[in-house]
Amino acid sequence: MGMFYRTIRMVDNGIKPVYVFDGKPPSMKGGELAKRTEKRAQAQEAL
């Protein structure tokens, strides 16, 4: 829903969007991804 309507909004304003999707994360990002996993575990417990 978000992708459809907000893309329509841009196009309706004369913008030509091109979306860029992530590929594989660089190996150096492993530490940051591990932190995010830890935060998700904490959020799951709090939930």
All heavy atoms as atom14 arrays in JSON, in Angstrom:
{
  "sequence": "MGMFYRTIRMVDNGIKPVYVFDGKPPSMKGGELAKRTEKRAQAQEAL",
  "atom14_mask": [
    [1, 1, 1, 1, 1, 1, 1, 1, 0, 0, 0, 0, 0, 0],
    [1, 1, 1, 1, 0, 0, 0, 0, 0, 0, 0, 0, 0, 0],
    [1, 1, 1, 1, 1, 1, 1, 1, 0, 0, 0, 0, 0, 0],
    [1, 1, 1, 1, 1, 1, 1, 1, 1, 1, 1, 0, 0, 0],
    [1, 1, 1, 1, 1, 1, 1, 1, 1, 1, 1, 1, 0, 0],
    [1, 1, 1, 1, 1, 1, 1, 1, 1, 1, 1, 0, 0, 0],
    [1, 1, 1, 1, 1, 1, 1, 0, 0, 0, 0, 0, 0, 0],
    [1, 1, 1, 1, 1, 1, 1, 1, 0, 0, 0, 0, 0, 0],
    [1, 1, 1, 1, 1, 1, 1, 1, 1, 1, 1, 0, 0, 0],
    [1, 1, 1, 1, 1, 1, 1, 1, 0, 0, 0, 0, 0, 0],
    [1, 1, 1, 1, 1, 1, 1, 0, 0, 0, 0, 0, 0, 0],
    [1, 1, 1, 1, 1, 1, 1, 1, 0, 0, 0, 0, 0, 0],
    [1, 1, 1, 1, 1, 1, 1, 1, 0, 0, 0, 0, 0, 0],
    [1, 1, 1, 1, 0, 0, 0, 0, 0, 0, 0, 0, 0, 0],
    [1, 1, 1, 1, 1, 1, 1, 1, 0, 0, 0, 0, 0, 0],
    [1, 1, 1, 1, 1, 1, 1, 1, 1, 0, 0, 0, 0, 0],
    [1, 1, 1, 1, 1, 1, 1, 0, 0, 0, 0, 0, 0, 0],
    [1, 1, 1, 1, 1, 1, 1, 0, 0, 0, 0, 0, 0, 0],
    [1, 1, 1, 1, 1, 1, 1, 1, 1, 1, 1, 1, 0, 0],
    [1, 1, 1, 1, 1, 1, 1, 0, 0, 0, 0, 0, 0, 0],
    [1, 1, 1, 1, 1, 1, 1, 1, 1, 1, 1, 0, 0, 0],
    [1, 1, 1, 1, 1, 1, 1, 1, 0, 0, 0, 0, 0, 0],
    [1, 1, 1, 1, 0, 0, 0, 0, 0, 0, 0, 0, 0, 0],
    [1, 1, 1, 1, 1, 1, 1, 1, 1, 0, 0, 0, 0, 0],
    [1, 1, 1, 1, 1, 1, 1, 0, 0, 0, 0, 0, 0, 0],
    [1, 1, 1, 1, 1, 1, 1, 0, 0, 0, 0, 0, 0, 0],
    [1, 1, 1, 1, 1, 1, 0, 0, 0, 0, 0, 0, 0, 0],
    [1, 1, 1, 1, 1, 1, 1, 1, 0, 0, 0, 0, 0, 0],
    [1, 1, 1, 1, 1, 1, 1, 1, 1, 0, 0, 0, 0, 0],
    [1, 1, 1, 1, 0, 0, 0, 0, 0, 0, 0, 0, 0, 0],
    [1, 1, 1, 1, 0, 0, 0, 0, 0, 0, 0, 0, 0, 0],
    [1, 1, 1, 1, 1, 1, 1, 1, 1, 0, 0, 0, 0, 0],
    [1, 1, 1, 1, 1, 1, 1, 1, 0, 0, 0, 0, 0, 0],
    [1, 1, 1, 1, 1, 0, 0, 0, 0, 0, 0, 0, 0, 0],
    [1, 1, 1, 1, 1, 1, 1, 1, 1, 0, 0, 0, 0, 0],
    [1, 1, 1, 1, 1, 1, 1, 1, 1, 1, 1, 0, 0, 0],
    [1, 1, 1, 1, 1, 1, 1, 0, 0, 0, 0, 0, 0, 0],
    [1, 1, 1, 1, 1, 1, 1, 1, 1, 0, 0, 0, 0, 0],
    [1, 1, 1, 1, 1, 1, 1, 1, 1, 0, 0, 0, 0, 0],
    [1, 1, 1, 1, 1, 1, 1, 1, 1, 1, 1, 0, 0, 0],
    [1, 1, 1, 1, 1, 0, 0, 0, 0, 0, 0, 0, 0, 0],
    [1, 1, 1, 1, 1, 1, 1, 1, 1, 0, 0, 0, 0, 0],
    [1, 1, 1, 1, 1, 0, 0, 0, 0, 0, 0, 0, 0, 0],
    [1, 1, 1, 1, 1, 1, 1, 1, 1, 0, 0, 0, 0, 0],
    [1, 1, 1, 1, 1, 1, 1, 1, 1, 0, 0, 0, 0, 0],
    [1, 1, 1, 1, 1, 0, 0, 0, 0, 0, 0, 0, 0, 0],
    [1, 1, 1, 1, 1, 1, 1, 1, 0, 0, 0, 0, 0, 0]
  ],
  "atom14_positions": [
    [[0.83, -1.2, 0.0], [0.0, 0.0, 0.0], [0.87, 1.25, 0.0], [0.63, 2.21, -0.76], [-0.94, 0.02, 1.21], [-1.75, 1.32, 1.31], [-3.01, 1.29, 2.6], [-4.33, 0.44, 1.74], [0.0, 0.0, 0.0], [0.0, 0.0, 0.0], [0.0, 0.0, 0.0], [0.0, 0.0, 0.0], [0.0, 0.0, 0.0], [0.0, 0.0, 0.0]],
    [[1.89, 1.27, 0.87], [2.79, 2.42, 0.93], [3.52, 2.63, -0.39], [3.59, 3.76, -0.9], [0.0, 0.0, 0.0], [0.0, 0.0, 0.0], [0.0, 0.0, 0.0], [0.0, 0.0, 0.0], [0.0, 0.0, 0.0], [0.0, 0.0, 0.0], [0.0, 0.0, 0.0], [0.0, 0.0, 0.0], [0.0, 0.0, 0.0], [0.0, 0.0, 0.0]],
    [[4.04, 1.55, -0.96], [4.79, 1.65, -2.21], [3.88, 2.17, -3.34], [4.29, 3.02, -4.14], [5.37, 0.28, -2.57], [6.18, 0.26, -3.86], [7.73, 1.17, -3.75], [8.73, 0.09, -2.73], [0.0, 0.0, 0.0], [0.0, 0.0, 0.0], [0.0, 0.0, 0.0], [0.0, 0.0, 0.0], [0.0, 0.0, 0.0], [0.0, 0.0, 0.0]],
    [[2.66, 1.68, -3.4], [1.76, 2.07, -4.48], [1.35, 3.54, -4.37], [1.57, 4.33, -5.3], [0.51, 1.18, -4.46], [-0.45, 1.48, -5.58], [-0.19, 1.06, -6.88], [-1.63, 2.19, -5.34], [-1.07, 1.34, -7.91], [-2.52, 2.47, -6.37], [-2.24, 2.04, -7.67], [0.0, 0.0, 0.0], [0.0, 0.0, 0.0], [0.0, 0.0, 0.0]],
    [[0.79, 3.92, -3.23], [0.23, 5.26, -3.11], [1.29, 6.36, -3.05], [1.09, 7.44, -3.61], [-0.71, 5.34, -1.91], [-2.03, 4.64, -2.17], [-2.35, 3.46, -1.52], [-2.93, 5.15, -3.1], [-3.55, 2.8, -1.77], [-4.13, 4.51, -3.36], [-4.44, 3.33, -2.69], [-5.62, 2.69, -2.97], [0.0, 0.0, 0.0], [0.0, 0.0, 0.0]],
    [[2.4, 6.1, -2.41], [3.41, 7.15, -2.32], [4.21, 7.28, -3.61], [4.71, 8.35, -3.93], [4.3, 6.92, -1.09], [3.44, 7.04, 0.17], [4.18, 7.04, 1.45], [3.25, 6.81, 2.55], [3.6, 6.64, 3.8], [4.89, 6.67, 4.13], [2.7, 6.44, 4.73], [0.0, 0.0, 0.0], [0.0, 0.0, 0.0], [0.0, 0.0, 0.0]],
    [[4.29, 6.19, -4.37], [4.88, 6.3, -5.7], [3.94, 7.07, -6.62], [4.38, 7.92, -7.4], [5.17, 4.91, -6.29], [6.07, 4.21, -5.42], [5.81, 5.02, -7.67], [0.0, 0.0, 0.0], [0.0, 0.0, 0.0], [0.0, 0.0, 0.0], [0.0, 0.0, 0.0], [0.0, 0.0, 0.0], [0.0, 0.0, 0.0], [0.0, 0.0, 0.0]],
    [[2.64, 6.79, -6.51], [1.64, 7.53, -7.29], [1.74, 9.02, -6.97], [1.67, 9.88, -7.86], [0.21, 7.03, -6.99], [-0.02, 5.62, -7.54], [-0.84, 8.0, -7.54], [-0.07, 5.54, -9.04], [0.0, 0.0, 0.0], [0.0, 0.0, 0.0], [0.0, 0.0, 0.0], [0.0, 0.0, 0.0], [0.0, 0.0, 0.0], [0.0, 0.0, 0.0]],
    [[1.9, 9.35, -5.7], [2.0, 10.76, -5.3], [3.2, 11.43, -5.98], [3.09, 12.56, -6.47], [2.14, 10.85, -3.78], [2.22, 12.29, -3.26], [2.54, 12.32, -1.79], [2.81, 13.68, -1.33], [3.57, 13.97, -0.29], [4.16, 13.0, 0.39], [3.77, 15.22, 0.07], [0.0, 0.0, 0.0], [0.0, 0.0, 0.0], [0.0, 0.0, 0.0]],
    [[4.33, 10.74, -6.01], [5.51, 11.31, -6.66], [5.28, 11.5, -8.16], [5.56, 12.56, -8.72], [6.74, 10.42, -6.41], [7.31, 10.53, -5.02], [8.83, 9.6, -4.81], [8.18, 7.97, -4.49], [0.0, 0.0, 0.0], [0.0, 0.0, 0.0], [0.0, 0.0, 0.0], [0.0, 0.0, 0.0], [0.0, 0.0, 0.0], [0.0, 0.0, 0.0]],
    [[4.76, 10.46, -8.78], [4.5, 10.51, -10.23], [3.49, 11.61, -10.55], [3.62, 12.33, -11.55], [4.01, 9.14, -10.73], [3.52, 9.24, -12.17], [5.12, 8.1, -10.62], [0.0, 0.0, 0.0], [0.0, 0.0, 0.0], [0.0, 0.0, 0.0], [0.0, 0.0, 0.0], [0.0, 0.0, 0.0], [0.0, 0.0, 0.0], [0.0, 0.0, 0.0]],
    [[2.49, 11.75, -9.7], [1.47, 12.77, -9.89], [2.06, 14.18, -9.83], [1.49, 15.13, -10.37], [0.38, 12.61, -8.82], [-0.98, 13.05, -9.3], [-1.21, 13.08, -10.52], [-1.83, 13.4, -8.45], [0.0, 0.0, 0.0], [0.0, 0.0, 0.0], [0.0, 0.0, 0.0], [0.0, 0.0, 0.0], [0.0, 0.0, 0.0], [0.0, 0.0, 0.0]],
    [[3.19, 14.31, -9.13], [3.88, 15.59, -9.03], [4.98, 15.74, -10.08], [5.82, 16.64, -9.99], [4.47, 15.77, -7.64], [3.44, 16.26, -6.63], [3.17, 17.45, -6.52], [2.85, 15.33, -5.89], [0.0, 0.0, 0.0], [0.0, 0.0, 0.0], [0.0, 0.0, 0.0], [0.0, 0.0, 0.0], [0.0, 0.0, 0.0], [0.0, 0.0, 0.0]],
    [[4.98, 14.84, -11.07], [5.93, 14.97, -12.17], [7.31, 14.4, -11.91], [8.24, 14.63, -12.67], [0.0, 0.0, 0.0], [0.0, 0.0, 0.0], [0.0, 0.0, 0.0], [0.0, 0.0, 0.0], [0.0, 0.0, 0.0], [0.0, 0.0, 0.0], [0.0, 0.0, 0.0], [0.0, 0.0, 0.0], [0.0, 0.0, 0.0], [0.0, 0.0, 0.0]],
    [[7.46, 13.63, -10.82], [8.76, 13.02, -10.48], [8.87, 11.66, -11.16], [7.89, 10.93, -11.29], [8.89, 12.87, -8.95], [8.89, 14.24, -8.28], [10.17, 12.1, -8.58], [8.77, 14.19, -6.77], [0.0, 0.0, 0.0], [0.0, 0.0, 0.0], [0.0, 0.0, 0.0], [0.0, 0.0, 0.0], [0.0, 0.0, 0.0], [0.0, 0.0, 0.0]],
    [[10.07, 11.32, -11.6], [10.33, 10.0, -12.18], [11.21, 9.23, -11.19], [12.43, 9.37, -11.2], [11.01, 10.15, -13.54], [10.17, 10.94, -14.55], [10.85, 11.06, -15.9], [10.73, 9.79, -16.7], [11.23, 9.95, -18.09], [0.0, 0.0, 0.0], [0.0, 0.0, 0.0], [0.0, 0.0, 0.0], [0.0, 0.0, 0.0], [0.0, 0.0, 0.0]],
    [[10.58, 8.4, -10.34], [11.36, 7.67, -9.33], [11.99, 6.4, -9.88], [11.44, 5.75, -10.78], [10.3, 7.33, -8.28], [9.03, 7.19, -9.06], [9.14, 8.17, -10.21], [0.0, 0.0, 0.0], [0.0, 0.0, 0.0], [0.0, 0.0, 0.0], [0.0, 0.0, 0.0], [0.0, 0.0, 0.0], [0.0, 0.0, 0.0], [0.0, 0.0, 0.0]],
    [[13.15, 6.05, -9.34], [13.75, 4.74, -9.59], [14.15, 4.2, -8.22], [14.84, 4.87, -7.45], [14.97, 4.83, -10.54], [15.98, 5.88, -10.09], [15.65, 3.46, -10.65], [0.0, 0.0, 0.0], [0.0, 0.0, 0.0], [0.0, 0.0, 0.0], [0.0, 0.0, 0.0], [0.0, 0.0, 0.0], [0.0, 0.0, 0.0], [0.0, 0.0, 0.0]],
    [[13.68, 3.03, -7.89], [13.96, 2.43, -6.58], [15.22, 1.57, -6.65], [15.43, 0.84, -7.62], [12.78, 1.58, -6.11], [11.6, 2.4, -5.62], [10.62, 2.83, -6.5], [11.48, 2.75, -4.28], [9.53, 3.6, -6.06], [10.41, 3.5, -3.83], [9.44, 3.93, -4.72], [8.38, 4.69, -4.28], [0.0, 0.0, 0.0], [0.0, 0.0, 0.0]],
    [[16.03, 1.67, -5.61], [17.28, 0.91, -5.54], [17.23, -0.02, -4.33], [17.05, 0.44, -3.19], [18.5, 1.84, -5.46], [19.79, 1.02, -5.4], [18.53, 2.8, -6.65], [0.0, 0.0, 0.0], [0.0, 0.0, 0.0], [0.0, 0.0, 0.0], [0.0, 0.0, 0.0], [0.0, 0.0, 0.0], [0.0, 0.0, 0.0], [0.0, 0.0, 0.0]],
    [[17.38, -1.32, -4.57], [17.29, -2.33, -3.52], [18.68, -2.77, -3.08], [19.59, -2.91, -3.89], [16.5, -3.55, -4.02], [15.03, -3.28, -4.19], [14.54, -2.66, -5.33], [14.13, -3.66, -3.21], [13.19, -2.42, -5.5], [12.76, -3.42, -3.36], [12.3, -2.8, -4.51], [0.0, 0.0, 0.0], [0.0, 0.0, 0.0], [0.0, 0.0, 0.0]],
    [[18.8, -3.01, -1.78], [20.07, -3.5, -1.22], [20.44, -4.85, -1.8], [19.58, -5.7, -2.06], [19.95, -3.66, 0.31], [20.1, -2.35, 1.05], [21.01, -1.57, 0.71], [19.31, -2.11, 1.98], [0.0, 0.0, 0.0], [0.0, 0.0, 0.0], [0.0, 0.0, 0.0], [0.0, 0.0, 0.0], [0.0, 0.0, 0.0], [0.0, 0.0, 0.0]],
    [[21.76, -5.06, -1.94], [22.29, -6.38, -2.27], [22.82, -7.01, -0.99], [22.3, -6.77, 0.1], [0.0, 0.0, 0.0], [0.0, 0.0, 0.0], [0.0, 0.0, 0.0], [0.0, 0.0, 0.0], [0.0, 0.0, 0.0], [0.0, 0.0, 0.0], [0.0, 0.0, 0.0], [0.0, 0.0, 0.0], [0.0, 0.0, 0.0], [0.0, 0.0, 0.0]],
    [[23.89, -7.77, -1.12], [24.48, -8.39, 0.08], [25.17, -7.32, 0.91], [25.81, -6.41, 0.37], [25.49, -9.47, -0.33], [26.71, -8.94, -1.05], [27.65, -10.06, -1.45], [28.98, -9.53, -2.01], [28.81, -8.63, -3.17], [0.0, 0.0, 0.0], [0.0, 0.0, 0.0], [0.0, 0.0, 0.0], [0.0, 0.0, 0.0], [0.0, 0.0, 0.0]],
    [[25.06, -7.4, 2.26], [25.76, -6.41, 3.09], [27.25, -6.69, 3.09], [27.67, -7.85, 3.01], [25.15, -6.63, 4.47], [24.7, -8.05, 4.47], [24.27, -8.34, 3.06], [0.0, 0.0, 0.0], [0.0, 0.0, 0.0], [0.0, 0.0, 0.0], [0.0, 0.0, 0.0], [0.0, 0.0, 0.0], [0.0, 0.0, 0.0], [0.0, 0.0, 0.0]],
    [[28.09, -5.64, 3.16], [29.53, -5.87, 3.25], [29.86, -6.6, 4.54], [29.17, -6.44, 5.55], [30.13, -4.46, 3.22], [29.02, -3.56, 3.65], [27.75, -4.21, 3.19], [0.0, 0.0, 0.0], [0.0, 0.0, 0.0], [0.0, 0.0, 0.0], [0.0, 0.0, 0.0], [0.0, 0.0, 0.0], [0.0, 0.0, 0.0], [0.0, 0.0, 0.0]],
    [[30.91, -7.41, 4.52], [31.27, -8.2, 5.71], [31.54, -7.3, 6.92], [31.28, -7.7, 8.05], [32.51, -9.05, 5.41], [33.59, -8.24, 4.99], [0.0, 0.0, 0.0], [0.0, 0.0, 0.0], [0.0, 0.0, 0.0], [0.0, 0.0, 0.0], [0.0, 0.0, 0.0], [0.0, 0.0, 0.0], [0.0, 0.0, 0.0], [0.0, 0.0, 0.0]],
    [[32.01, -6.09, 6.67], [32.31, -5.17, 7.78], [31.06, -4.72, 8.52], [31.14, -4.2, 9.63], [33.05, -3.94, 7.27], [34.51, -4.18, 6.97], [35.38, -2.62, 6.75], [35.34, -1.97, 8.42], [0.0, 0.0, 0.0], [0.0, 0.0, 0.0], [0.0, 0.0, 0.0], [0.0, 0.0, 0.0], [0.0, 0.0, 0.0], [0.0, 0.0, 0.0]],
    [[29.9, -4.91, 7.91], [28.65, -4.48, 8.54], [28.15, -5.5, 9.54], [27.12, -5.29, 10.2], [27.59, -4.23, 7.46], [26.48, -3.29, 7.89], [25.61, -2.88, 6.72], [24.54, -1.89, 7.14], [23.75, -1.4, 5.99], [0.0, 0.0, 0.0], [0.0, 0.0, 0.0], [0.0, 0.0, 0.0], [0.0, 0.0, 0.0], [0.0, 0.0, 0.0]],
    [[28.87, -6.6, 9.67], [28.44, -7.68, 10.56], [28.23, -7.21, 11.99], [27.3, -7.64, 12.67], [0.0, 0.0, 0.0], [0.0, 0.0, 0.0], [0.0, 0.0, 0.0], [0.0, 0.0, 0.0], [0.0, 0.0, 0.0], [0.0, 0.0, 0.0], [0.0, 0.0, 0.0], [0.0, 0.0, 0.0], [0.0, 0.0, 0.0], [0.0, 0.0, 0.0]],
    [[29.11, -6.34, 12.48], [29.0, -5.85, 13.85], [27.72, -5.05, 14.06], [27.02, -5.22, 15.07], [0.0, 0.0, 0.0], [0.0, 0.0, 0.0], [0.0, 0.0, 0.0], [0.0, 0.0, 0.0], [0.0, 0.0, 0.0], [0.0, 0.0, 0.0], [0.0, 0.0, 0.0], [0.0, 0.0, 0.0], [0.0, 0.0, 0.0], [0.0, 0.0, 0.0]],
    [[27.39, -4.2, 13.1], [26.18, -3.41, 13.19], [24.94, -4.3, 13.11], [23.96, -4.1, 13.85], [26.14, -2.37, 12.06], [24.87, -1.56, 11.96], [24.59, -0.7, 13.18], [25.53, -0.38, 13.92], [23.41, -0.37, 13.39], [0.0, 0.0, 0.0], [0.0, 0.0, 0.0], [0.0, 0.0, 0.0], [0.0, 0.0, 0.0], [0.0, 0.0, 0.0]],
    [[24.97, -5.3, 12.24], [23.84, -6.21, 12.12], [23.66, -7.03, 13.4], [22.53, -7.31, 13.81], [24.05, -7.15, 10.93], [24.09, -6.47, 9.55], [24.39, -7.49, 8.46], [22.78, -5.75, 9.26], [0.0, 0.0, 0.0], [0.0, 0.0, 0.0], [0.0, 0.0, 0.0], [0.0, 0.0, 0.0], [0.0, 0.0, 0.0], [0.0, 0.0, 0.0]],
    [[24.77, -7.38, 14.04], [24.69, -8.11, 15.31], [24.05, -7.24, 16.4], [23.24, -7.73, 17.21], [26.09, -8.55, 15.75], [0.0, 0.0, 0.0], [0.0, 0.0, 0.0], [0.0, 0.0, 0.0], [0.0, 0.0, 0.0], [0.0, 0.0, 0.0], [0.0, 0.0, 0.0], [0.0, 0.0, 0.0], [0.0, 0.0, 0.0], [0.0, 0.0, 0.0]],
    [[24.38, -5.95, 16.39], [23.77, -5.02, 17.35], [22.27, -4.93, 17.13], [21.48, -4.88, 18.08], [24.4, -3.63, 17.22], [25.85, -3.55, 17.7], [26.39, -2.15, 17.48], [27.87, -2.05, 17.83], [28.42, -0.7, 17.54], [0.0, 0.0, 0.0], [0.0, 0.0, 0.0], [0.0, 0.0, 0.0], [0.0, 0.0, 0.0], [0.0, 0.0, 0.0]],
    [[21.88, -4.89, 15.87], [20.45, -4.81, 15.55], [19.71, -6.06, 16.0], [18.59, -6.0, 16.49], [20.26, -4.59, 14.05], [20.78, -3.25, 13.55], [20.61, -3.11, 12.05], [21.3, -1.93, 11.54], [21.38, -1.59, 10.26], [20.77, -2.35, 9.35], [22.02, -0.51, 9.89], [0.0, 0.0, 0.0], [0.0, 0.0, 0.0], [0.0, 0.0, 0.0]],
    [[20.36, -7.22, 15.83], [19.76, -8.48, 16.28], [19.57, -8.48, 17.78], [18.53, -8.92, 18.3], [20.65, -9.67, 15.86], [20.78, -9.7, 14.43], [20.06, -10.99, 16.33], [0.0, 0.0, 0.0], [0.0, 0.0, 0.0], [0.0, 0.0, 0.0], [0.0, 0.0, 0.0], [0.0, 0.0, 0.0], [0.0, 0.0, 0.0], [0.0, 0.0, 0.0]],
    [[20.56, -7.95, 18.5], [20.48, -7.87, 19.96], [19.34, -6.95, 20.39], [18.58, -7.25, 21.32], [21.8, -7.37, 20.53], [21.84, -7.35, 22.05], [23.19, -6.88, 22.59], [24.15, -6.76, 21.79], [23.27, -6.63, 23.81], [0.0, 0.0, 0.0], [0.0, 0.0, 0.0], [0.0, 0.0, 0.0], [0.0, 0.0, 0.0], [0.0, 0.0, 0.0]],
    [[19.21, -5.82, 19.68], [18.14, -4.87, 20.0], [16.77, -5.47, 19.72], [15.81, -5.23, 20.46], [18.31, -3.58, 19.2], [19.48, -2.73, 19.68], [19.61, -1.47, 18.84], [20.78, -0.61, 19.32], [20.93, 0.62, 18.5], [0.0, 0.0, 0.0], [0.0, 0.0, 0.0], [0.0, 0.0, 0.0], [0.0, 0.0, 0.0], [0.0, 0.0, 0.0]],
    [[16.69, -6.29, 18.67], [15.42, -6.95, 18.37], [15.04, -7.94, 19.45], [13.87, -8.07, 19.82], [15.51, -7.66, 17.01], [15.44, -6.72, 15.81], [15.63, -7.49, 14.51], [14.65, -8.54, 14.33], [13.4, -8.33, 13.89], [13.01, -7.11, 13.59], [12.56, -9.34, 13.76], [0.0, 0.0, 0.0], [0.0, 0.0, 0.0], [0.0, 0.0, 0.0]],
    [[16.05, -8.64, 19.98], [15.8, -9.59, 21.06], [15.29, -8.87, 22.31], [14.37, -9.34, 23.0], [17.08, -10.37, 21.37], [0.0, 0.0, 0.0], [0.0, 0.0, 0.0], [0.0, 0.0, 0.0], [0.0, 0.0, 0.0], [0.0, 0.0, 0.0], [0.0, 0.0, 0.0], [0.0, 0.0, 0.0], [0.0, 0.0, 0.0], [0.0, 0.0, 0.0]],
    [[15.87, -7.7, 22.58], [15.44, -6.9, 23.72], [14.0, -6.4, 23.52], [13.2, -6.39, 24.46], [16.39, -5.73, 23.93], [17.8, -6.14, 24.36], [18.79, -4.98, 24.35], [18.47, -3.88, 23.89], [19.99, -5.22, 24.84], [0.0, 0.0, 0.0], [0.0, 0.0, 0.0], [0.0, 0.0, 0.0], [0.0, 0.0, 0.0], [0.0, 0.0, 0.0]],
    [[13.71, -5.98, 22.27], [12.36, -5.5, 21.97], [11.34, -6.63, 22.09], [10.21, -6.41, 22.55], [12.33, -4.9, 20.56], [0.0, 0.0, 0.0], [0.0, 0.0, 0.0], [0.0, 0.0, 0.0], [0.0, 0.0, 0.0], [0.0, 0.0, 0.0], [0.0, 0.0, 0.0], [0.0, 0.0, 0.0], [0.0, 0.0, 0.0], [0.0, 0.0, 0.0]],
    [[11.73, -7.84, 21.68], [10.84, -8.99, 21.77], [10.51, -9.3, 23.23], [9.36, -9.59, 23.58], [11.49, -10.21, 21.12], [10.57, -11.42, 20.97], [9.47, -11.18, 19.96], [9.74, -10.96, 18.78], [8.23, -11.22, 20.41], [0.0, 0.0, 0.0], [0.0, 0.0, 0.0], [0.0, 0.0, 0.0], [0.0, 0.0, 0.0], [0.0, 0.0, 0.0]],
    [[11.52, -9.19, 24.09], [11.31, -9.43, 25.52], [10.41, -8.35, 26.12], [9.5, -8.65, 26.9], [12.68, -9.42, 26.23], [12.6, -9.78, 27.7], [13.98, -9.83, 28.35], [14.99, -9.99, 27.61], [14.05, -9.7, 29.59], [0.0, 0.0, 0.0], [0.0, 0.0, 0.0], [0.0, 0.0, 0.0], [0.0, 0.0, 0.0], [0.0, 0.0, 0.0]],
    [[10.65, -7.08, 25.71], [9.83, -5.98, 26.21], [8.39, -6.1, 25.71], [7.44, -5.76, 26.43], [10.43, -4.65, 25.77], [0.0, 0.0, 0.0], [0.0, 0.0, 0.0], [0.0, 0.0, 0.0], [0.0, 0.0, 0.0], [0.0, 0.0, 0.0], [0.0, 0.0, 0.0], [0.0, 0.0, 0.0], [0.0, 0.0, 0.0], [0.0, 0.0, 0.0]],
    [[8.22, -6.59, 24.49], [6.88, -6.77, 23.93], [6.09, -7.81, 24.73], [4.91, -7.62, 25.02], [6.97, -7.2, 22.46], [5.64, -7.54, 21.77], [4.72, -6.33, 21.75], [5.9, -8.03, 20.34], [0.0, 0.0, 0.0], [0.0, 0.0, 0.0], [0.0, 0.0, 0.0], [0.0, 0.0, 0.0], [0.0, 0.0, 0.0], [0.0, 0.0, 0.0]]
  ]
}
